Amino acid sequence: MQRTERRSQQQRSSEMTEKLRTATIQLITEVGYVNTNTVNISSRAGVSRGALLHHYANKSDLVIDATSKMWKYSILATQLLCKKLTNCEMDIDTFVDGLWRESFNETYVSVTIDIMIAARGDKKLAQHLDTSLAEMFTAYRAAAAVLFKNAGLNAAQQEVAMTVIVSLLRGLRVQEMMRPDAELAEAVRKALKLLLKTALVANNTLVPERGSSKNPNL
């Protein structure tokens, strides 16, 4: 008779924290940061509040850990998509759809907005947000260097192009949350795909230098 191996304490602890992180992100998405607390988090995760407090001293510590994981996942997803597009493992249409689905999904954008609002009155959360966003924008610059490395764009132009992509998708997601319109969202993503295809072919004729008032396409 095969004997089932017992999970180690470290495995059980890891599973517990992952359940708590997931429950935290779900609740912030559904009811907002203000209405999320250790009681409903523990209930959603299916653990006792005492078990939650054994791993996290308070709600703030848990939210910081959960959002750190969420933002790192978004960064990794973006980097992987850029790498796959550059290596010709996917086309531009699939790349943009992947960003929309993985990097700028409703959960990610909703939680980020909620944390930005909450951080205005919480110094610890504000410091966490500042650090995480700095890491995120650094990662975007690195991803842009990969994505546009063969497009003839310098570092400043790469950053402009990447900012156009992430700003458009983030803003489009916010609009979708405010006024859902799947047909319009699809049309905007199609426009982005066309713009990106043009940028990758036209080299630096599409993306001006930062601070430049000249647009060669006008």
C-alpha atoms as a PDB file:
ATOM      1  CA  MET A   1       0.000   0.000   0.000  1.00  0.00           C
ATOM      2  CA  GLN A   2       1.465   3.323  -1.079  1.00  0.00           C
ATOM      3  CA  ARG A   3       2.062   5.732   1.744  1.00  0.00           C
ATOM      4  CA  THR A   4       1.095   9.362   1.209  1.00  0.00           C
ATOM      5  CA  GLU A   5       3.837  11.779   2.257  1.00  0.00           C
ATOM      6  CA  ARG A   6       2.822  14.315   4.845  1.00  0.00           C
ATOM      7  CA  ARG A   7       3.248  17.921   3.848  1.00  0.00           C
ATOM      8  CA  SER A   8       6.048  19.733   5.610  1.00  0.00           C
ATOM      9  CA  GLN A   9       5.354  22.699   7.865  1.00  0.00           C
ATOM     10  CA  GLN A  10       6.914  24.946   5.243  1.00  0.00           C
ATOM     11  CA  GLN A  11       4.564  23.598   2.555  1.00  0.00           C
ATOM     12  CA  ARG A  12       1.520  24.103   4.757  1.00  0.00           C
ATOM     13  CA  SER A  13       2.645  27.621   5.609  1.00  0.00           C
ATOM     14  CA  SER A  14       3.217  28.424   1.934  1.00  0.00           C
ATOM     15  CA  GLU A  15      -0.230  27.125   0.997  1.00  0.00           C
ATOM     16  CA  MET A  16      -1.799  29.124   3.813  1.00  0.00           C
ATOM     17  CA  THR A  17      -0.185  32.414   2.793  1.00  0.00           C
ATOM     18  CA  GLU A  18      -1.133  31.855  -0.851  1.00  0.00           C
ATOM     19  CA  LYS A  19      -4.783  31.319   0.142  1.00  0.00           C
ATOM     20  CA  LEU A  20      -4.689  34.508   2.203  1.00  0.00           C
ATOM     21  CA  ARG A  21      -3.101  36.534  -0.604  1.00  0.00           C
ATOM     22  CA  THR A  22      -5.672  35.296  -3.101  1.00  0.00           C
ATOM     23  CA  ALA A  23      -8.565  36.044  -0.747  1.00  0.00           C
ATOM     24  CA  THR A  24      -7.192  39.530  -0.083  1.00  0.00           C
ATOM     25  CA  ILE A  25      -6.952  40.435  -3.762  1.00  0.00           C
ATOM     26  CA  GLN A  26     -10.413  39.014  -4.449  1.00  0.00           C
ATOM     27  CA  LEU A  27     -12.014  41.014  -1.651  1.00  0.00           C
ATOM     28  CA  ILE A  28     -10.313  44.292  -2.548  1.00  0.00           C
ATOM     29  CA  THR A  29     -11.578  43.790  -6.109  1.00  0.00           C
ATOM     30  CA  GLU A  30     -15.110  43.043  -4.944  1.00  0.00           C
ATOM     31  CA  VAL A  31     -15.676  45.347  -1.964  1.00  0.00           C
ATOM     32  CA  GLY A  32     -12.685  47.708  -1.909  1.00  0.00           C
ATOM     33  CA  TYR A  33      -9.755  48.166   0.454  1.00  0.00           C
ATOM     34  CA  VAL A  34     -11.797  49.969   3.127  1.00  0.00           C
ATOM     35  CA  ASN A  35     -14.314  47.127   3.413  1.00  0.00           C
ATOM     36  CA  THR A  36     -11.686  44.413   3.405  1.00  0.00           C
ATOM     37  CA  ASN A  37     -10.608  43.215   6.857  1.00  0.00           C
ATOM     38  CA  THR A  38      -8.960  40.251   8.523  1.00  0.00           C
ATOM     39  CA  VAL A  39     -12.337  38.729   9.379  1.00  0.00           C
ATOM     40  CA  ASN A  40     -13.686  38.510   5.832  1.00  0.00           C
ATOM     41  CA  ILE A  41     -10.240  37.642   4.464  1.00  0.00           C
ATOM     42  CA  SER A  42      -9.905  34.637   6.783  1.00  0.00           C
ATOM     43  CA  SER A  43     -13.475  33.597   5.976  1.00  0.00           C
ATOM     44  CA  ARG A  44     -12.864  33.813   2.220  1.00  0.00           C
ATOM     45  CA  ALA A  45      -9.594  31.889   2.543  1.00  0.00           C
ATOM     46  CA  GLY A  46     -11.263  29.205   4.670  1.00  0.00           C
ATOM     47  CA  VAL A  47      -8.909  29.612   7.636  1.00  0.00           C
ATOM     48  CA  SER A  48      -9.289  30.887  11.160  1.00  0.00           C
ATOM     49  CA  ARG A  49      -8.538  34.510  11.963  1.00  0.00           C
ATOM     50  CA  GLY A  50      -5.966  33.247  14.463  1.00  0.00           C
ATOM     51  CA  ALA A  51      -4.156  31.412  11.673  1.00  0.00           C
ATOM     52  CA  LEU A  52      -4.177  34.612   9.614  1.00  0.00           C
ATOM     53  CA  LEU A  53      -2.703  36.623  12.478  1.00  0.00           C
ATOM     54  CA  HIS A  54      -0.056  33.938  12.960  1.00  0.00           C
ATOM     55  CA  HIS A  55       1.244  34.731   9.470  1.00  0.00           C
ATOM     56  CA  TYR A  56       0.458  38.458   9.293  1.00  0.00           C
ATOM     57  CA  ALA A  57       0.406  40.914  12.166  1.00  0.00           C
ATOM     58  CA  ASN A  58      -2.380  42.998  10.628  1.00  0.00           C
ATOM     59  CA  LYS A  59      -4.364  43.769   7.500  1.00  0.00           C
ATOM     60  CA  SER A  60      -1.748  46.207   6.216  1.00  0.00           C
ATOM     61  CA  ASP A  61       1.027  43.598   6.227  1.00  0.00           C
ATOM     62  CA  LEU A  62      -1.186  41.121   4.385  1.00  0.00           C
ATOM     63  CA  VAL A  63      -2.269  43.670   1.773  1.00  0.00           C
ATOM     64  CA  ILE A  64       1.343  44.679   1.180  1.00  0.00           C
ATOM     65  CA  ASP A  65       2.395  41.072   0.663  1.00  0.00           C
ATOM     66  CA  ALA A  66      -0.593  40.262  -1.562  1.00  0.00           C
ATOM     67  CA  THR A  67      -0.217  43.313  -3.807  1.00  0.00           C
ATOM     68  CA  SER A  68       3.545  42.785  -4.069  1.00  0.00           C
ATOM     69  CA  LYS A  69       2.881  39.348  -5.536  1.00  0.00           C
ATOM     70  CA  MET A  70       0.181  40.722  -7.832  1.00  0.00           C
ATOM     71  CA  TRP A  71       2.371  43.492  -9.241  1.00  0.00           C
ATOM     72  CA  LYS A  72       5.352  41.171  -9.677  1.00  0.00           C
ATOM     73  CA  TYR A  73       3.139  38.765 -11.615  1.00  0.00           C
ATOM     74  CA  SER A  74       2.038  41.619 -13.888  1.00  0.00           C
ATOM     75  CA  ILE A  75       5.663  42.615 -14.484  1.00  0.00           C
ATOM     76  CA  LEU A  76       6.703  39.041 -15.277  1.00  0.00           C
ATOM     77  CA  ALA A  77       3.745  38.600 -17.617  1.00  0.00           C
ATOM     78  CA  THR A  78       4.689  41.763 -19.518  1.00  0.00           C
ATOM     79  CA  GLN A  79       8.351  40.764 -19.755  1.00  0.00           C
ATOM     80  CA  LEU A  80       7.469  37.280 -20.997  1.00  0.00           C
ATOM     81  CA  LEU A  81       5.098  38.621 -23.656  1.00  0.00           C
ATOM     82  CA  CYS A  82       7.732  41.091 -24.893  1.00  0.00           C
ATOM     83  CA  LYS A  83      10.301  38.306 -25.081  1.00  0.00           C
ATOM     84  CA  LYS A  84       7.941  35.987 -26.974  1.00  0.00           C
ATOM     85  CA  LEU A  85       7.050  38.694 -29.488  1.00  0.00           C
ATOM     86  CA  THR A  86      10.717  39.563 -30.050  1.00  0.00           C
ATOM     87  CA  ASN A  87      11.581  35.869 -30.500  1.00  0.00           C
ATOM     88  CA  CYS A  88       8.745  35.523 -33.047  1.00  0.00           C
ATOM     89  CA  GLU A  89       6.884  33.097 -30.789  1.00  0.00           C
ATOM     90  CA  MET A  90       3.714  35.189 -31.188  1.00  0.00           C
ATOM     91  CA  ASP A  91       2.407  37.946 -33.406  1.00  0.00           C
ATOM     92  CA  ILE A  92       1.529  41.515 -32.425  1.00  0.00           C
ATOM     93  CA  ASP A  93      -2.197  40.785 -32.174  1.00  0.00           C
ATOM     94  CA  THR A  94      -1.561  37.972 -29.688  1.00  0.00           C
ATOM     95  CA  PHE A  95       0.896  40.175 -27.819  1.00  0.00           C
ATOM     96  CA  VAL A  96      -1.608  42.990 -27.282  1.00  0.00           C
ATOM     97  CA  ASP A  97      -4.357  40.533 -26.345  1.00  0.00           C
ATOM     98  CA  GLY A  98      -1.969  38.935 -23.844  1.00  0.00           C
ATOM     99  CA  LEU A  99      -1.199  42.283 -22.224  1.00  0.00           C
ATOM    100  CA  TRP A 100      -4.917  43.045 -21.972  1.00  0.00           C
ATOM    101  CA  ARG A 101      -5.670  39.656 -20.408  1.00  0.00           C
ATOM    102  CA  GLU A 102      -2.612  39.138 -18.180  1.00  0.00           C
ATOM    103  CA  SER A 103      -0.960  42.476 -17.410  1.00  0.00           C
ATOM    104  CA  PHE A 104      -3.933  44.834 -17.359  1.00  0.00           C
ATOM    105  CA  ASN A 105      -6.861  42.684 -16.316  1.00  0.00           C
ATOM    106  CA  GLU A 106      -9.690  44.138 -14.262  1.00  0.00           C
ATOM    107  CA  THR A 107      -8.420  42.707 -10.973  1.00  0.00           C
ATOM    108  CA  TYR A 108      -4.965  44.226 -11.379  1.00  0.00           C
ATOM    109  CA  VAL A 109      -6.228  47.671 -12.385  1.00  0.00           C
ATOM    110  CA  SER A 110      -9.041  47.776  -9.815  1.00  0.00           C
ATOM    111  CA  VAL A 111      -6.796  46.794  -6.905  1.00  0.00           C
ATOM    112  CA  THR A 112      -4.055  49.199  -7.995  1.00  0.00           C
ATOM    113  CA  ILE A 113      -6.484  52.127  -8.061  1.00  0.00           C
ATOM    114  CA  ASP A 114      -7.882  51.169  -4.655  1.00  0.00           C
ATOM    115  CA  ILE A 115      -4.412  50.946  -3.118  1.00  0.00           C
ATOM    116  CA  MET A 116      -3.433  54.323  -4.595  1.00  0.00           C
ATOM    117  CA  ILE A 117      -6.453  55.892  -2.903  1.00  0.00           C
ATOM    118  CA  ALA A 118      -5.890  54.106   0.415  1.00  0.00           C
ATOM    119  CA  ALA A 119      -2.188  55.026   0.432  1.00  0.00           C
ATOM    120  CA  ARG A 120      -3.011  58.732   0.733  1.00  0.00           C
ATOM    121  CA  GLY A 121      -3.858  58.160   4.389  1.00  0.00           C
ATOM    122  CA  ASP A 122      -1.452  55.330   5.196  1.00  0.00           C
ATOM    123  CA  LYS A 123       2.292  56.093   5.227  1.00  0.00           C
ATOM    124  CA  LYS A 124       3.310  52.433   5.290  1.00  0.00           C
ATOM    125  CA  LEU A 125       1.077  51.626   2.351  1.00  0.00           C
ATOM    126  CA  ALA A 126       2.275  54.755   0.530  1.00  0.00           C
ATOM    127  CA  GLN A 127       5.908  53.707   0.888  1.00  0.00           C
ATOM    128  CA  HIS A 128       5.048  50.230  -0.380  1.00  0.00           C
ATOM    129  CA  LEU A 129       3.193  51.717  -3.341  1.00  0.00           C
ATOM    130  CA  ASP A 130       6.053  54.074  -4.232  1.00  0.00           C
ATOM    131  CA  THR A 131       8.579  51.235  -4.122  1.00  0.00           C
ATOM    132  CA  SER A 132       6.406  48.876  -6.143  1.00  0.00           C
ATOM    133  CA  LEU A 133       5.575  51.442  -8.817  1.00  0.00           C
ATOM    134  CA  ALA A 134       9.242  52.387  -9.161  1.00  0.00           C
ATOM    135  CA  GLU A 135      10.062  48.715  -9.744  1.00  0.00           C
ATOM    136  CA  MET A 136       7.222  48.458 -12.229  1.00  0.00           C
ATOM    137  CA  PHE A 137       8.311  51.428 -14.342  1.00  0.00           C
ATOM    138  CA  THR A 138      11.912  50.214 -14.298  1.00  0.00           C
ATOM    139  CA  ALA A 139      10.658  46.854 -15.543  1.00  0.00           C
ATOM    140  CA  TYR A 140       8.647  48.558 -18.287  1.00  0.00           C
ATOM    141  CA  ARG A 141      11.780  50.326 -19.516  1.00  0.00           C
ATOM    142  CA  ALA A 142      13.646  47.024 -19.567  1.00  0.00           C
ATOM    143  CA  ALA A 143      10.766  45.358 -21.411  1.00  0.00           C
ATOM    144  CA  ALA A 144      10.733  48.195 -23.952  1.00  0.00           C
ATOM    145  CA  ALA A 145      14.429  47.644 -24.632  1.00  0.00           C
ATOM    146  CA  VAL A 146      13.636  44.036 -25.499  1.00  0.00           C
ATOM    147  CA  LEU A 147      10.505  44.800 -27.490  1.00  0.00           C
ATOM    148  CA  PHE A 148      11.985  47.602 -29.581  1.00  0.00           C
ATOM    149  CA  LYS A 149      15.609  46.474 -29.763  1.00  0.00           C
ATOM    150  CA  ASN A 150      15.427  45.928 -33.536  1.00  0.00           C
ATOM    151  CA  ALA A 151      13.116  48.850 -34.306  1.00  0.00           C
ATOM    152  CA  GLY A 152      15.754  51.568 -34.493  1.00  0.00           C
ATOM    153  CA  LEU A 153      14.473  53.434 -31.441  1.00  0.00           C
ATOM    154  CA  ASN A 154      16.808  54.919 -28.857  1.00  0.00           C
ATOM    155  CA  ALA A 155      16.200  54.466 -25.122  1.00  0.00           C
ATOM    156  CA  ALA A 156      14.055  57.597 -24.779  1.00  0.00           C
ATOM    157  CA  GLN A 157      11.913  56.659 -27.772  1.00  0.00           C
ATOM    158  CA  GLN A 158      11.522  53.114 -26.461  1.00  0.00           C
ATOM    159  CA  GLU A 159      10.209  54.490 -23.181  1.00  0.00           C
ATOM    160  CA  VAL A 160       7.739  56.755 -25.003  1.00  0.00           C
ATOM    161  CA  ALA A 161       6.465  53.848 -27.100  1.00  0.00           C
ATOM    162  CA  MET A 162       6.089  51.546 -24.089  1.00  0.00           C
ATOM    163  CA  THR A 163       4.316  54.270 -22.127  1.00  0.00           C
ATOM    164  CA  VAL A 164       1.817  54.667 -24.967  1.00  0.00           C
ATOM    165  CA  ILE A 165       1.069  50.930 -24.823  1.00  0.00           C
ATOM    166  CA  VAL A 166       0.681  50.564 -21.051  1.00  0.00           C
ATOM    167  CA  SER A 167      -1.135  53.876 -20.610  1.00  0.00           C
ATOM    168  CA  LEU A 168      -3.638  53.067 -23.331  1.00  0.00           C
ATOM    169  CA  LEU A 169      -4.394  49.582 -22.008  1.00  0.00           C
ATOM    170  CA  ARG A 170      -4.577  50.722 -18.378  1.00  0.00           C
ATOM    171  CA  GLY A 171      -6.836  53.637 -19.298  1.00  0.00           C
ATOM    172  CA  LEU A 172      -9.000  51.441 -21.514  1.00  0.00           C
ATOM    173  CA  ARG A 173      -9.467  48.998 -18.644  1.00  0.00           C
ATOM    174  CA  VAL A 174     -10.558  51.830 -16.353  1.00  0.00           C
ATOM    175  CA  GLN A 175     -13.066  52.978 -18.975  1.00  0.00           C
ATOM    176  CA  GLU A 176     -14.359  49.417 -19.335  1.00  0.00           C
ATOM    177  CA  MET A 177     -14.892  49.276 -15.578  1.00  0.00           C
ATOM    178  CA  MET A 178     -16.780  52.594 -15.641  1.00  0.00           C
ATOM    179  CA  ARG A 179     -18.784  52.016 -18.818  1.00  0.00           C
ATOM    180  CA  PRO A 180     -18.494  48.485 -20.234  1.00  0.00           C
ATOM    181  CA  ASP A 181     -18.451  48.374 -24.015  1.00  0.00           C
ATOM    182  CA  ALA A 182     -16.733  45.259 -25.335  1.00  0.00           C
ATOM    183  CA  GLU A 183     -17.077  46.329 -28.963  1.00  0.00           C
ATOM    184  CA  LEU A 184     -15.420  49.687 -28.342  1.00  0.00           C
ATOM    185  CA  ALA A 185     -12.647  48.103 -26.256  1.00  0.00           C
ATOM    186  CA  GLU A 186     -11.952  45.666 -29.087  1.00  0.00           C
ATOM    187  CA  ALA A 187     -11.810  48.508 -31.611  1.00  0.00           C
ATOM    188  CA  VAL A 188      -9.343  50.452 -29.461  1.00  0.00           C
ATOM    189  CA  ARG A 189      -7.108  47.392 -29.086  1.00  0.00           C
ATOM    190  CA  LYS A 190      -7.192  46.934 -32.865  1.00  0.00           C
ATOM    191  CA  ALA A 191      -6.030  50.528 -33.240  1.00  0.00           C
ATOM    192  CA  LEU A 192      -3.184  49.862 -30.803  1.00  0.00           C
ATOM    193  CA  LYS A 193      -2.169  46.767 -32.751  1.00  0.00           C
ATOM    194  CA  LEU A 194      -2.022  48.783 -35.961  1.00  0.00           C
ATOM    195  CA  LEU A 195      -0.045  51.539 -34.251  1.00  0.00           C
ATOM    196  CA  LEU A 196       2.420  49.036 -32.823  1.00  0.00           C
ATOM    197  CA  LYS A 197       2.877  47.300 -36.165  1.00  0.00           C
ATOM    198  CA  THR A 198       3.589  50.689 -37.742  1.00  0.00           C
ATOM    199  CA  ALA A 199       6.071  51.606 -35.008  1.00  0.00           C
ATOM    200  CA  LEU A 200       8.000  48.371 -35.397  1.00  0.00           C
ATOM    201  CA  VAL A 201       8.267  48.914 -39.149  1.00  0.00           C
ATOM    202  CA  ALA A 202       8.695  52.686 -39.319  1.00  0.00           C
ATOM    203  CA  ASN A 203      11.565  52.824 -36.809  1.00  0.00           C
ATOM    204  CA  ASN A 204      11.945  56.301 -35.301  1.00  0.00           C
ATOM    205  CA  THR A 205       9.646  58.090 -37.775  1.00  0.00           C
ATOM    206  CA  LEU A 206       6.641  57.416 -35.557  1.00  0.00           C
ATOM    207  CA  VAL A 207       8.013  57.997 -32.067  1.00  0.00           C
ATOM    208  CA  PRO A 208       9.583  61.441 -31.474  1.00  0.00           C
ATOM    209  CA  GLU A 209      12.330  62.251 -29.015  1.00  0.00           C
ATOM    210  CA  ARG A 210      11.173  63.176 -25.533  1.00  0.00           C
ATOM    211  CA  GLY A 211      10.708  66.922 -25.390  1.00  0.00           C
ATOM    212  CA  SER A 212      10.602  67.257 -29.174  1.00  0.00           C
ATOM    213  CA  SER A 213       7.771  69.330 -30.636  1.00  0.00           C
ATOM    214  CA  LYS A 214       8.342  67.998 -34.131  1.00  0.00           C
ATOM    215  CA  ASN A 215       6.260  65.179 -35.518  1.00  0.00           C
ATOM    216  CA  PRO A 216       7.638  63.873 -38.826  1.00  0.00           C
ATOM    217  CA  ASN A 217       4.253  62.415 -39.708  1.00  0.00           C
ATOM    218  CA  LEU A 218       2.408  65.774 -39.657  1.00  0.00           C
END
